[in-house]
C-alpha cells in the first residue's frame, strides 16, 4: 500500500458537510426558535437515515470492512449514549461550545 487515503467527496457533501452547513443555515433562518438542543436533534434526525442509506449502499456493494465497522461502533455507541445523557443535564451554551469544538476538529482534519 502506498499510504494514499481515498477521500470520498460524497461523504463531505452528504454527512459531515451537510450537518455543519445545515446547522449554520438553520441558525441563520430561525435564530429565535433554533436552540442548541433543537439544532443538535434536527441534525441527528437528518444524519441517521442518511447514514443508514449510505451504509446499506456500501454493504450491498461489498465495500464494508467488518473490523473497521466493529471498532467504530465500539467507540461511537458509548459516546452517543453518554452524550445523550449529558445533553439533558447541561445548558445550551455548553452544547454550543462542544459542537463548535467538534466542528473545528473536523475542519482541521479535513484540511490536514
PDB file of N, CA and C in Angstrom:
ATOM      1  N   UNK A   1       0.822  -1.174   0.000  1.00  0.00           N
ATOM      2  CA  UNK A   1       0.000   0.000   0.000  1.00  0.00           C
ATOM      3  C   UNK A   1       0.871   1.244   0.000  1.00  0.00           C
ATOM      4  N   UNK A   2       0.438   2.239  -0.707  1.00  0.00           N
ATOM      5  CA  UNK A   2       1.221   3.454  -0.834  1.00  0.00           C
ATOM      6  C   UNK A   2       0.961   4.442   0.294  1.00  0.00           C
ATOM      7  N   UNK A   3      -0.015   4.186   1.132  1.00  0.00           N
ATOM      8  CA  UNK A   3      -0.343   5.113   2.200  1.00  0.00           C
ATOM      9  C   UNK A   3      -1.326   6.185   1.755  1.00  0.00           C
ATOM     10  N   UNK A   4      -1.739   6.131   0.505  1.00  0.00           N
ATOM     11  CA  UNK A   4      -2.699   7.108  -0.005  1.00  0.00           C
ATOM     12  C   UNK A   4      -4.086   6.792   0.532  1.00  0.00           C
ATOM     13  N   UNK A   5      -4.747   7.796   1.064  1.00  0.00           N
ATOM     14  CA  UNK A   5      -6.088   7.620   1.589  1.00  0.00           C
ATOM     15  C   UNK A   5      -7.067   8.142   0.556  1.00  0.00           C
ATOM     16  N   UNK A   6      -8.008   7.303   0.161  1.00  0.00           N
ATOM     17  CA  UNK A   6      -9.034   7.711  -0.789  1.00  0.00           C
ATOM     18  C   UNK A   6     -10.088   8.510  -0.042  1.00  0.00           C
ATOM     19  N   UNK A   7     -10.286   9.733  -0.459  1.00  0.00           N
ATOM     20  CA  UNK A   7     -11.307  10.571   0.173  1.00  0.00           C
ATOM     21  C   UNK A   7     -12.521  10.613  -0.727  1.00  0.00           C
ATOM     22  N   UNK A   8     -13.641  10.268  -0.160  1.00  0.00           N
ATOM     23  CA  UNK A   8     -14.887  10.243  -0.903  1.00  0.00           C
ATOM     24  C   UNK A   8     -15.565  11.603  -0.783  1.00  0.00           C
ATOM     25  N   UNK A   9     -15.699  12.357  -1.878  1.00  0.00           N
ATOM     26  CA  UNK A   9     -16.311  13.678  -1.776  1.00  0.00           C
ATOM     27  C   UNK A   9     -17.780  13.612  -1.367  1.00  0.00           C
ATOM     28  N   UNK A  10     -18.432  12.488  -1.599  1.00  0.00           N
ATOM     29  CA  UNK A  10     -19.834  12.376  -1.230  1.00  0.00           C
ATOM     30  C   UNK A  10     -20.023  12.400   0.277  1.00  0.00           C
ATOM     31  N   UNK A  11     -19.048  11.898   1.028  1.00  0.00           N
ATOM     32  CA  UNK A  11     -19.154  11.919   2.486  1.00  0.00           C
ATOM     33  C   UNK A  11     -19.154  13.360   2.980  1.00  0.00           C
ATOM     34  N   UNK A  12     -18.253  14.171   2.454  1.00  0.00           N
ATOM     35  CA  UNK A  12     -18.180  15.561   2.884  1.00  0.00           C
ATOM     36  C   UNK A  12     -19.432  16.338   2.480  1.00  0.00           C
ATOM     37  N   UNK A  13     -20.021  15.972   1.372  1.00  0.00           N
ATOM     38  CA  UNK A  13     -21.182  16.713   0.884  1.00  0.00           C
ATOM     39  C   UNK A  13     -22.494  16.239   1.490  1.00  0.00           C
ATOM     40  N   UNK A  14     -22.530  15.019   2.016  1.00  0.00           N
ATOM     41  CA  UNK A  14     -23.812  14.493   2.465  1.00  0.00           C
ATOM     42  C   UNK A  14     -23.918  14.284   3.960  1.00  0.00           C
ATOM     43  N   UNK A  15     -22.834  14.041   4.676  1.00  0.00           N
ATOM     44  CA  UNK A  15     -22.992  13.764   6.103  1.00  0.00           C
ATOM     45  C   UNK A  15     -22.362  14.858   6.955  1.00  0.00           C
ATOM     46  N   UNK A  16     -21.049  14.843   7.087  1.00  0.00           N
ATOM     47  CA  UNK A  16     -20.404  15.837   7.943  1.00  0.00           C
ATOM     48  C   UNK A  16     -20.612  17.239   7.384  1.00  0.00           C
ATOM     49  N   UNK A  17     -20.399  17.402   6.098  1.00  0.00           N
ATOM     50  CA  UNK A  17     -20.557  18.725   5.495  1.00  0.00           C
ATOM     51  C   UNK A  17     -21.979  19.221   5.553  1.00  0.00           C
ATOM     52  N   UNK A  18     -22.915  18.344   5.294  1.00  0.00           N
ATOM     53  CA  UNK A  18     -24.327  18.741   5.334  1.00  0.00           C
ATOM     54  C   UNK A  18     -24.738  19.095   6.752  1.00  0.00           C
ATOM     55  N   UNK A  19     -24.235  18.363   7.731  1.00  0.00           N
ATOM     56  CA  UNK A  19     -24.566  18.680   9.117  1.00  0.00           C
ATOM     57  C   UNK A  19     -23.995  20.011   9.551  1.00  0.00           C
ATOM     58  N   UNK A  20     -22.750  20.264   9.192  1.00  0.00           N
ATOM     59  CA  UNK A  20     -22.118  21.532   9.569  1.00  0.00           C
ATOM     60  C   UNK A  20     -22.781  22.705   8.861  1.00  0.00           C
ATOM     61  N   UNK A  21     -22.961  22.589   7.569  1.00  0.00           N
ATOM     62  CA  UNK A  21     -23.592  23.667   6.808  1.00  0.00           C
ATOM     63  C   UNK A  21     -25.069  23.797   7.157  1.00  0.00           C
ATOM     64  N   UNK A  22     -25.738  22.672   7.304  1.00  0.00           N
ATOM     65  CA  UNK A  22     -27.155  22.703   7.655  1.00  0.00           C
ATOM     66  C   UNK A  22     -27.396  23.367   8.994  1.00  0.00           C
ATOM     67  N   UNK A  23     -26.523  23.122   9.959  1.00  0.00           N
ATOM     68  CA  UNK A  23     -26.663  23.740  11.271  1.00  0.00           C
ATOM     69  C   UNK A  23     -26.548  25.254  11.184  1.00  0.00           C
ATOM     70  N   UNK A  24     -25.579  25.725  10.433  1.00  0.00           N
ATOM     71  CA  UNK A  24     -25.387  27.168  10.269  1.00  0.00           C
ATOM     72  C   UNK A  24     -26.588  27.785   9.556  1.00  0.00           C
ATOM     73  N   UNK A  25     -27.070  27.114   8.526  1.00  0.00           N
ATOM     74  CA  UNK A  25     -28.223  27.633   7.784  1.00  0.00           C
ATOM     75  C   UNK A  25     -29.465  27.675   8.673  1.00  0.00           C
ATOM     76  N   UNK A  26     -29.688  26.619   9.460  1.00  0.00           N
ATOM     77  CA  UNK A  26     -30.835  26.606  10.365  1.00  0.00           C
ATOM     78  C   UNK A  26     -30.744  27.726  11.399  1.00  0.00           C
ATOM     79  N   UNK A  27     -29.554  27.970  11.926  1.00  0.00           N
ATOM     80  CA  UNK A  27     -29.379  29.070  12.872  1.00  0.00           C
ATOM     81  C   UNK A  27     -29.657  30.418  12.219  1.00  0.00           C
ATOM     82  N   UNK A  28     -29.246  30.558  10.958  1.00  0.00           N
ATOM     83  CA  UNK A  28     -29.469  31.811  10.231  1.00  0.00           C
ATOM     84  C   UNK A  28     -30.953  32.012   9.939  1.00  0.00           C
ATOM     85  N   UNK A  29     -31.640  30.944   9.524  1.00  0.00           N
ATOM     86  CA  UNK A  29     -33.052  31.055   9.158  1.00  0.00           C
ATOM     87  C   UNK A  29     -33.982  31.192  10.368  1.00  0.00           C
ATOM     88  N   UNK A  30     -33.637  30.529  11.458  1.00  0.00           N
ATOM     89  CA  UNK A  30     -34.503  30.507  12.646  1.00  0.00           C
ATOM     90  C   UNK A  30     -33.705  30.870  13.906  1.00  0.00           C
ATOM     91  N   UNK A  31     -33.195  32.091  13.998  1.00  0.00           N
ATOM     92  CA  UNK A  31     -32.320  32.424  15.132  1.00  0.00           C
ATOM     93  C   UNK A  31     -33.021  32.384  16.491  1.00  0.00           C
ATOM     94  N   UNK A  32     -34.317  32.635  16.532  1.00  0.00           N
ATOM     95  CA  UNK A  32     -35.017  32.649  17.819  1.00  0.00           C
ATOM     96  C   UNK A  32     -35.576  31.292  18.203  1.00  0.00           C
ATOM     97  N   UNK A  33     -35.903  30.474  17.227  1.00  0.00           N
ATOM     98  CA  UNK A  33     -36.517  29.167  17.515  1.00  0.00           C
ATOM     99  C   UNK A  33     -35.507  28.033  17.617  1.00  0.00           C
ATOM    100  N   UNK A  34     -34.322  28.200  17.056  1.00  0.00           N
ATOM    101  CA  UNK A  34     -33.367  27.096  16.979  1.00  0.00           C
ATOM    102  C   UNK A  34     -32.425  27.136  18.187  1.00  0.00           C
ATOM    103  N   UNK A  35     -32.843  26.485  19.270  1.00  0.00           N
ATOM    104  CA  UNK A  35     -31.985  26.368  20.453  1.00  0.00           C
ATOM    105  C   UNK A  35     -30.908  25.319  20.170  1.00  0.00           C
ATOM    106  N   UNK A  36     -29.822  25.318  20.929  1.00  0.00           N
ATOM    107  CA  UNK A  36     -28.779  24.303  20.698  1.00  0.00           C
ATOM    108  C   UNK A  36     -29.306  22.868  20.779  1.00  0.00           C
ATOM    109  N   UNK A  37     -30.199  22.582  21.729  1.00  0.00           N
ATOM    110  CA  UNK A  37     -30.741  21.227  21.850  1.00  0.00           C
ATOM    111  C   UNK A  37     -31.528  20.856  20.595  1.00  0.00           C
ATOM    112  N   UNK A  38     -32.347  21.785  20.117  1.00  0.00           N
ATOM    113  CA  UNK A  38     -33.165  21.528  18.929  1.00  0.00           C
ATOM    114  C   UNK A  38     -32.276  21.412  17.681  1.00  0.00           C
ATOM    115  N   UNK A  39     -31.220  22.221  17.627  1.00  0.00           N
ATOM    116  CA  UNK A  39     -30.308  22.186  16.490  1.00  0.00           C
ATOM    117  C   UNK A  39     -29.609  20.829  16.384  1.00  0.00           C
ATOM    118  N   UNK A  40     -29.110  20.342  17.495  1.00  0.00           N
ATOM    119  CA  UNK A  40     -28.437  19.041  17.503  1.00  0.00           C
ATOM    120  C   UNK A  40     -29.430  17.930  17.160  1.00  0.00           C
ATOM    121  N   UNK A  41     -30.628  17.997  17.726  1.00  0.00           N
ATOM    122  CA  UNK A  41     -31.639  16.978  17.443  1.00  0.00           C
ATOM    123  C   UNK A  41     -32.020  16.967  15.968  1.00  0.00           C
ATOM    124  N   UNK A  42     -32.173  18.140  15.375  1.00  0.00           N
ATOM    125  CA  UNK A  42     -32.512  18.241  13.958  1.00  0.00           C
ATOM    126  C   UNK A  42     -31.397  17.655  13.097  1.00  0.00           C
ATOM    127  N   UNK A  43     -30.158  17.936  13.463  1.00  0.00           N
ATOM    128  CA  UNK A  43     -29.020  17.404  12.725  1.00  0.00           C
ATOM    129  C   UNK A  43     -28.976  15.876  12.819  1.00  0.00           C
ATOM    130  N   UNK A  44     -29.269  15.338  13.987  1.00  0.00           N
ATOM    131  CA  UNK A  44     -29.256  13.880  14.172  1.00  0.00           C
ATOM    132  C   UNK A  44     -30.380  13.222  13.375  1.00  0.00           C
ATOM    133  N   UNK A  45     -31.557  13.854  13.372  1.00  0.00           N
ATOM    134  CA  UNK A  45     -32.686  13.299  12.612  1.00  0.00           C
ATOM    135  C   UNK A  45     -32.340  13.234  11.127  1.00  0.00           C
ATOM    136  N   UNK A  46     -31.540  14.162  10.654  1.00  0.00           N
ATOM    137  CA  UNK A  46     -31.103  14.140   9.251  1.00  0.00           C
ATOM    138  C   UNK A  46     -29.990  13.114   9.048  1.00  0.00           C
ATOM    139  N   UNK A  47     -29.065  13.037   9.981  1.00  0.00           N
ATOM    140  CA  UNK A  47     -27.870  12.212   9.799  1.00  0.00           C
ATOM    141  C   UNK A  47     -28.147  10.712   9.877  1.00  0.00           C
ATOM    142  N   UNK A  48     -29.035  10.302  10.766  1.00  0.00           N
ATOM    143  CA  UNK A  48     -29.251   8.866  10.964  1.00  0.00           C
ATOM    144  C   UNK A  48     -29.798   8.187   9.710  1.00  0.00           C
ATOM    145  N   UNK A  49     -30.905   8.664   9.117  1.00  0.00           N
ATOM    146  CA  UNK A  49     -31.381   7.987   7.901  1.00  0.00           C
ATOM    147  C   UNK A  49     -30.369   8.057   6.760  1.00  0.00           C
ATOM    148  N   UNK A  50     -29.665   9.183   6.671  1.00  0.00           N
ATOM    149  CA  UNK A  50     -28.659   9.330   5.624  1.00  0.00           C
ATOM    150  C   UNK A  50     -27.540   8.311   5.795  1.00  0.00           C
ATOM    151  N   UNK A  51     -27.091   8.117   7.014  1.00  0.00           N
ATOM    152  CA  UNK A  51     -26.032   7.143   7.284  1.00  0.00           C
ATOM    153  C   UNK A  51     -26.509   5.718   7.019  1.00  0.00           C
ATOM    154  N   UNK A  52     -27.745   5.423   7.368  1.00  0.00           N
ATOM    155  CA  UNK A  52     -28.288   4.076   7.134  1.00  0.00           C
ATOM    156  C   UNK A  52     -28.349   3.784   5.637  1.00  0.00           C
ATOM    157  N   UNK A  53     -28.866   4.733   4.865  1.00  0.00           N
ATOM    158  CA  UNK A  53     -28.967   4.533   3.411  1.00  0.00           C
ATOM    159  C   UNK A  53     -27.584   4.400   2.781  1.00  0.00           C
ATOM    160  N   UNK A  54     -26.671   5.276   3.156  1.00  0.00           N
ATOM    161  CA  UNK A  54     -25.312   5.202   2.605  1.00  0.00           C
ATOM    162  C   UNK A  54     -24.619   3.910   3.024  1.00  0.00           C
ATOM    163  N   UNK A  55     -24.783   3.529   4.290  1.00  0.00           N
ATOM    164  CA  UNK A  55     -24.169   2.298   4.782  1.00  0.00           C
ATOM    165  C   UNK A  55     -24.693   1.061   4.073  1.00  0.00           C
ATOM    166  N   UNK A  56     -25.991   1.022   3.846  1.00  0.00           N
ATOM    167  CA  UNK A  56     -26.564  -0.118   3.120  1.00  0.00           C
ATOM    168  C   UNK A  56     -26.048  -0.161   1.680  1.00  0.00           C
ATOM    169  N   UNK A  57     -25.889   1.002   1.083  1.00  0.00           N
ATOM    170  CA  UNK A  57     -25.332   1.042  -0.276  1.00  0.00           C
ATOM    171  C   UNK A  57     -23.931   0.458  -0.324  1.00  0.00           C
ATOM    172  N   UNK A  58     -23.094   0.844   0.641  1.00  0.00           N
ATOM    173  CA  UNK A  58     -21.735   0.295   0.698  1.00  0.00           C
ATOM    174  C   UNK A  58     -21.752  -1.195   1.038  1.00  0.00           C
ATOM    175  N   UNK A  59     -22.677  -1.599   1.905  1.00  0.00           N
ATOM    176  CA  UNK A  59     -22.783  -3.012   2.267  1.00  0.00           C
ATOM    177  C   UNK A  59     -23.137  -3.857   1.048  1.00  0.00           C
ATOM    178  N   UNK A  60     -24.147  -3.431   0.292  1.00  0.00           N
ATOM    179  CA  UNK A  60     -24.551  -4.182  -0.899  1.00  0.00           C
ATOM    180  C   UNK A  60     -23.488  -4.155  -1.986  1.00  0.00           C
ATOM    181  N   UNK A  61     -22.652  -3.123  -1.990  1.00  0.00           N
ATOM    182  CA  UNK A  61     -21.565  -3.042  -2.966  1.00  0.00           C
ATOM    183  C   UNK A  61     -20.345  -3.851  -2.517  1.00  0.00           C
ATOM    184  N   UNK A  62     -20.407  -4.420  -1.308  1.00  0.00           N
ATOM    185  CA  UNK A  62     -19.293  -5.226  -0.805  1.00  0.00           C
ATOM    186  C   UNK A  62     -18.101  -4.401  -0.369  1.00  0.00           C
ATOM    187  N   UNK A  63     -18.331  -3.172   0.031  1.00  0.00           N
ATOM    188  CA  UNK A  63     -17.231  -2.271   0.373  1.00  0.00           C
ATOM    189  C   UNK A  63     -17.152  -1.976   1.869  1.00  0.00           C
ATOM    190  N   UNK A  64     -17.695  -2.854   2.715  1.00  0.00           N
ATOM    191  CA  UNK A  64     -17.681  -2.635   4.159  1.00  0.00           C
ATOM    192  C   UNK A  64     -16.598  -3.498   4.790  1.00  0.00           C
ATOM    193  N   UNK A  65     -15.727  -2.854   5.555  1.00  0.00           N
ATOM    194  CA  UNK A  65     -14.698  -3.547   6.320  1.00  0.00           C
ATOM    195  C   UNK A  65     -15.297  -3.870   7.684  1.00  0.00           C
ATOM    196  N   UNK A  66     -15.575  -5.152   7.929  1.00  0.00           N
ATOM    197  CA  UNK A  66     -16.252  -5.577   9.153  1.00  0.00           C
ATOM    198  C   UNK A  66     -15.531  -5.179  10.421  1.00  0.00           C
ATOM    199  N   UNK A  67     -14.205  -5.336  10.455  1.00  0.00           N
ATOM    200  CA  UNK A  67     -13.445  -4.979  11.659  1.00  0.00           C
ATOM    201  C   UNK A  67     -13.473  -3.481  11.902  1.00  0.00           C
ATOM    202  N   UNK A  68     -13.418  -2.705  10.840  1.00  0.00           N
ATOM    203  CA  UNK A  68     -13.492  -1.252  10.987  1.00  0.00           C
ATOM    204  C   UNK A  68     -14.869  -0.853  11.512  1.00  0.00           C
ATOM    205  N   UNK A  69     -15.909  -1.486  10.999  1.00  0.00           N
ATOM    206  CA  UNK A  69     -17.267  -1.198  11.451  1.00  0.00           C
ATOM    207  C   UNK A  69     -17.415  -1.502  12.937  1.00  0.00           C
ATOM    208  N   UNK A  70     -16.902  -2.641  13.369  1.00  0.00           N
ATOM    209  CA  UNK A  70     -16.993  -3.010  14.783  1.00  0.00           C
ATOM    210  C   UNK A  70     -16.242  -2.012  15.651  1.00  0.00           C
ATOM    211  N   UNK A  71     -15.049  -1.615  15.237  1.00  0.00           N
ATOM    212  CA  UNK A  71     -14.279  -0.662  16.047  1.00  0.00           C
ATOM    213  C   UNK A  71     -14.973   0.697  16.108  1.00  0.00           C
ATOM    214  N   UNK A  72     -15.582   1.126  15.005  1.00  0.00           N
ATOM    215  CA  UNK A  72     -16.323   2.391  15.018  1.00  0.00           C
ATOM    216  C   UNK A  72     -17.535   2.314  15.942  1.00  0.00           C
ATOM    217  N   UNK A  73     -18.238   1.191  15.901  1.00  0.00           N
ATOM    218  CA  UNK A  73     -19.397   1.024  16.773  1.00  0.00           C
ATOM    219  C   UNK A  73     -19.001   0.968  18.247  1.00  0.00           C
ATOM    220  N   UNK A  74     -17.887   0.306  18.542  1.00  0.00           N
ATOM    221  CA  UNK A  74     -17.423   0.217  19.926  1.00  0.00           C
ATOM    222  C   UNK A  74     -17.069   1.587  20.496  1.00  0.00           C
ATOM    223  N   UNK A  75     -16.636   2.489  19.644  1.00  0.00           N
ATOM    224  CA  UNK A  75     -16.324   3.843  20.108  1.00  0.00           C
ATOM    225  C   UNK A  75     -17.515   4.774  20.072  1.00  0.00           C
ATOM    226  N   UNK A  76     -18.338   4.642  19.048  1.00  0.00           N
ATOM    227  CA  UNK A  76     -19.408   5.627  18.877  1.00  0.00           C
ATOM    228  C   UNK A  76     -20.649   5.349  19.710  1.00  0.00           C
ATOM    229  N   UNK A  77     -21.026   4.098  19.882  1.00  0.00           N
ATOM    230  CA  UNK A  77     -22.252   3.805  20.639  1.00  0.00           C
ATOM    231  C   UNK A  77     -22.142   4.285  22.090  1.00  0.00           C
ATOM    232  N   UNK A  78     -21.059   3.967  22.819  1.00  0.00           N
ATOM    233  CA  UNK A  78     -20.964   4.510  24.186  1.00  0.00           C
ATOM    234  C   UNK A  78     -20.912   6.043  24.204  1.00  0.00           C
ATOM    235  N   UNK A  79     -20.251   6.650  23.214  1.00  0.00           N
ATOM    236  CA  UNK A  79     -20.179   8.112  23.167  1.00  0.00           C
ATOM    237  C   UNK A  79     -21.555   8.725  22.924  1.00  0.00           C
ATOM    238  N   UNK A  80     -22.353   8.106  22.081  1.00  0.00           N
ATOM    239  CA  UNK A  80     -23.712   8.604  21.824  1.00  0.00           C
ATOM    240  C   UNK A  80     -24.561   8.486  23.086  1.00  0.00           C
ATOM    241  N   UNK A  81     -24.466   7.369  23.762  1.00  0.00           N
ATOM    242  CA  UNK A  81     -25.241   7.180  24.998  1.00  0.00           C
ATOM    243  C   UNK A  81     -24.829   8.190  26.063  1.00  0.00           C
ATOM    244  N   UNK A  82     -23.538   8.390  26.240  1.00  0.00           N
ATOM    245  CA  UNK A  82     -23.048   9.352  27.217  1.00  0.00           C
ATOM    246  C   UNK A  82     -23.456  10.772  26.827  1.00  0.00           C
ATOM    247  N   UNK A  83     -23.311  11.090  25.554  1.00  0.00           N
ATOM    248  CA  UNK A  83     -23.692  12.427  25.080  1.00  0.00           C
ATOM    249  C   UNK A  83     -25.168  12.709  25.256  1.00  0.00           C
ATOM    250  N   UNK A  84     -25.996  11.714  25.004  1.00  0.00           N
ATOM    251  CA  UNK A  84     -27.443  11.926  25.166  1.00  0.00           C
ATOM    252  C   UNK A  84     -27.816  12.106  26.633  1.00  0.00           C
ATOM    253  N   UNK A  85     -27.119  11.426  27.523  1.00  0.00           N
ATOM    254  CA  UNK A  85     -27.372  11.622  28.953  1.00  0.00           C
ATOM    255  C   UNK A  85     -26.916  13.008  29.406  1.00  0.00           C
ATOM    256  N   UNK A  86     -25.757  13.432  28.923  1.00  0.00           N
ATOM    257  CA  UNK A  86     -25.228  14.740  29.307  1.00  0.00           C
ATOM    258  C   UNK A  86     -26.040  15.885  28.713  1.00  0.00           C
ATOM    259  N   UNK A  87     -26.566  15.714  27.515  1.00  0.00           N
ATOM    260  CA  UNK A  87     -27.288  16.793  26.835  1.00  0.00           C
ATOM    261  C   UNK A  87     -28.499  17.257  27.632  1.00  0.00           C
ATOM    262  N   UNK A  88     -29.125  16.367  28.357  1.00  0.00           N
ATOM    263  CA  UNK A  88     -30.271  16.752  29.162  1.00  0.00           C
ATOM    264  C   UNK A  88     -29.894  17.429  30.465  1.00  0.00           C
ATOM    265  N   UNK A  89     -28.623  17.360  30.836  1.00  0.00           N
ATOM    266  CA  UNK A  89     -28.190  17.880  32.124  1.00  0.00           C
ATOM    267  C   UNK A  89     -27.356  19.158  32.027  1.00  0.00           C
ATOM    268  N   UNK A  90     -26.939  19.543  30.822  1.00  0.00           N
ATOM    269  CA  UNK A  90     -26.099  20.733  30.687  1.00  0.00           C
ATOM    270  C   UNK A  90     -26.851  21.826  29.933  1.00  0.00           C
ATOM    271  N   UNK A  91     -26.346  23.028  30.049  1.00  0.00           N
ATOM    272  CA  UNK A  91     -27.004  24.166  29.410  1.00  0.00           C
ATOM    273  C   UNK A  91     -26.718  24.183  27.909  1.00  0.00           C
ATOM    274  N   UNK A  92     -27.542  24.936  27.206  1.00  0.00           N
ATOM    275  CA  UNK A  92     -27.373  25.075  25.762  1.00  0.00           C
ATOM    276  C   UNK A  92     -26.042  25.678  25.381  1.00  0.00           C
ATOM    277  N   UNK A  93     -25.502  26.548  26.231  1.00  0.00           N
ATOM    278  CA  UNK A  93     -24.211  27.189  25.928  1.00  0.00           C
ATOM    279  C   UNK A  93     -23.099  26.148  25.859  1.00  0.00           C
ATOM    280  N   UNK A  94     -23.106  25.169  26.759  1.00  0.00           N
ATOM    281  CA  UNK A  94     -22.062  24.134  26.746  1.00  0.00           C
ATOM    282  C   UNK A  94     -22.226  23.220  25.534  1.00  0.00           C
ATOM    283  N   UNK A  95     -23.458  23.012  25.105  1.00  0.00           N
ATOM    284  CA  UNK A  95     -23.665  22.235  23.875  1.00  0.00           C
ATOM    285  C   UNK A  95     -23.110  23.007  22.683  1.00  0.00           C
ATOM    286  N   UNK A  96     -23.317  24.332  22.659  1.00  0.00           N
ATOM    287  CA  UNK A  96     -22.757  25.155  21.581  1.00  0.00           C
ATOM    288  C   UNK A  96     -21.233  25.058  21.560  1.00  0.00           C
ATOM    289  N   UNK A  97     -20.623  25.149  22.711  1.00  0.00           N
ATOM    290  CA  UNK A  97     -19.163  25.075  22.794  1.00  0.00           C
ATOM    291  C   UNK A  97     -18.676  23.706  22.340  1.00  0.00           C
ATOM    292  N   UNK A  98     -19.333  22.647  22.798  1.00  0.00           N
ATOM    293  CA  UNK A  98     -18.944  21.294  22.388  1.00  0.00           C
ATOM    294  C   UNK A  98     -19.104  21.078  20.895  1.00  0.00           C
ATOM    295  N   UNK A  99     -20.230  21.542  20.341  1.00  0.00           N
ATOM    296  CA  UNK A  99     -20.465  21.414  18.906  1.00  0.00           C
ATOM    297  C   UNK A  99     -19.438  22.208  18.114  1.00  0.00           C
ATOM    298  N   UNK A 100     -19.111  23.400  18.585  1.00  0.00           N
ATOM    299  CA  UNK A 100     -18.101  24.221  17.907  1.00  0.00           C
ATOM    300  C   UNK A 100     -16.739  23.527  17.912  1.00  0.00           C
ATOM    301  N   UNK A 101     -16.383  22.912  19.030  1.00  0.00           N
ATOM    302  CA  UNK A 101     -15.102  22.203  19.105  1.00  0.00           C
ATOM    303  C   UNK A 101     -15.061  21.007  18.162  1.00  0.00           C
ATOM    304  N   UNK A 102     -16.156  20.255  18.124  1.00  0.00           N
ATOM    305  CA  UNK A 102     -16.213  19.094  17.230  1.00  0.00           C
ATOM    306  C   UNK A 102     -16.098  19.542  15.771  1.00  0.00           C
ATOM    307  N   UNK A 103     -16.806  20.599  15.407  1.00  0.00           N
ATOM    308  CA  UNK A 103     -16.742  21.097  14.031  1.00  0.00           C
ATOM    309  C   UNK A 103     -15.362  21.657  13.707  1.00  0.00           C
ATOM    310  N   UNK A 104     -14.717  22.297  14.677  1.00  0.00           N
ATOM    311  CA  UNK A 104     -13.367  22.813  14.471  1.00  0.00           C
ATOM    312  C   UNK A 104     -12.376  21.676  14.223  1.00  0.00           C
ATOM    313  N   UNK A 105     -12.464  20.638  15.031  1.00  0.00           N
ATOM    314  CA  UNK A 105     -11.571  19.483  14.861  1.00  0.00           C
ATOM    315  C   UNK A 105     -11.832  18.805  13.515  1.00  0.00           C
ATOM    316  N   UNK A 106     -13.101  18.664  13.142  1.00  0.00           N
ATOM    317  CA  UNK A 106     -13.430  18.048  11.849  1.00  0.00           C
ATOM    318  C   UNK A 106     -12.889  18.894  10.698  1.00  0.00           C
ATOM    319  N   UNK A 107     -13.008  20.219  10.817  1.00  0.00           N
ATOM    320  CA  UNK A 107     -12.480  21.100   9.777  1.00  0.00           C
ATOM    321  C   UNK A 107     -10.975  21.020   9.642  1.00  0.00           C
ATOM    322  N   UNK A 108     -10.277  20.988  10.769  1.00  0.00           N
ATOM    323  CA  UNK A 108      -8.813  20.862  10.757  1.00  0.00           C
ATOM    324  C   UNK A 108      -8.415  19.521  10.158  1.00  0.00           C
ATOM    325  N   UNK A 109      -9.140  18.471  10.500  1.00  0.00           N
ATOM    326  CA  UNK A 109      -8.858  17.137   9.981  1.00  0.00           C
ATOM    327  C   UNK A 109      -9.037  17.086   8.450  1.00  0.00           C
ATOM    328  N   UNK A 110     -10.069  17.769   7.957  1.00  0.00           N
ATOM    329  CA  UNK A 110     -10.300  17.794   6.516  1.00  0.00           C
ATOM    330  C   UNK A 110      -9.180  18.529   5.798  1.00  0.00           C
ATOM    331  N   UNK A 111      -8.687  19.611   6.408  1.00  0.00           N
ATOM    332  CA  UNK A 111      -7.622  20.399   5.791  1.00  0.00           C
ATOM    333  C   UNK A 111      -6.267  19.716   5.872  1.00  0.00           C
ATOM    334  N   UNK A 112      -6.068  18.885   6.879  1.00  0.00           N
ATOM    335  CA  UNK A 112      -4.764  18.234   7.079  1.00  0.00           C
ATOM    336  C   UNK A 112      -4.527  17.108   6.110  1.00  0.00           C
TER     337      UNK A 112
END
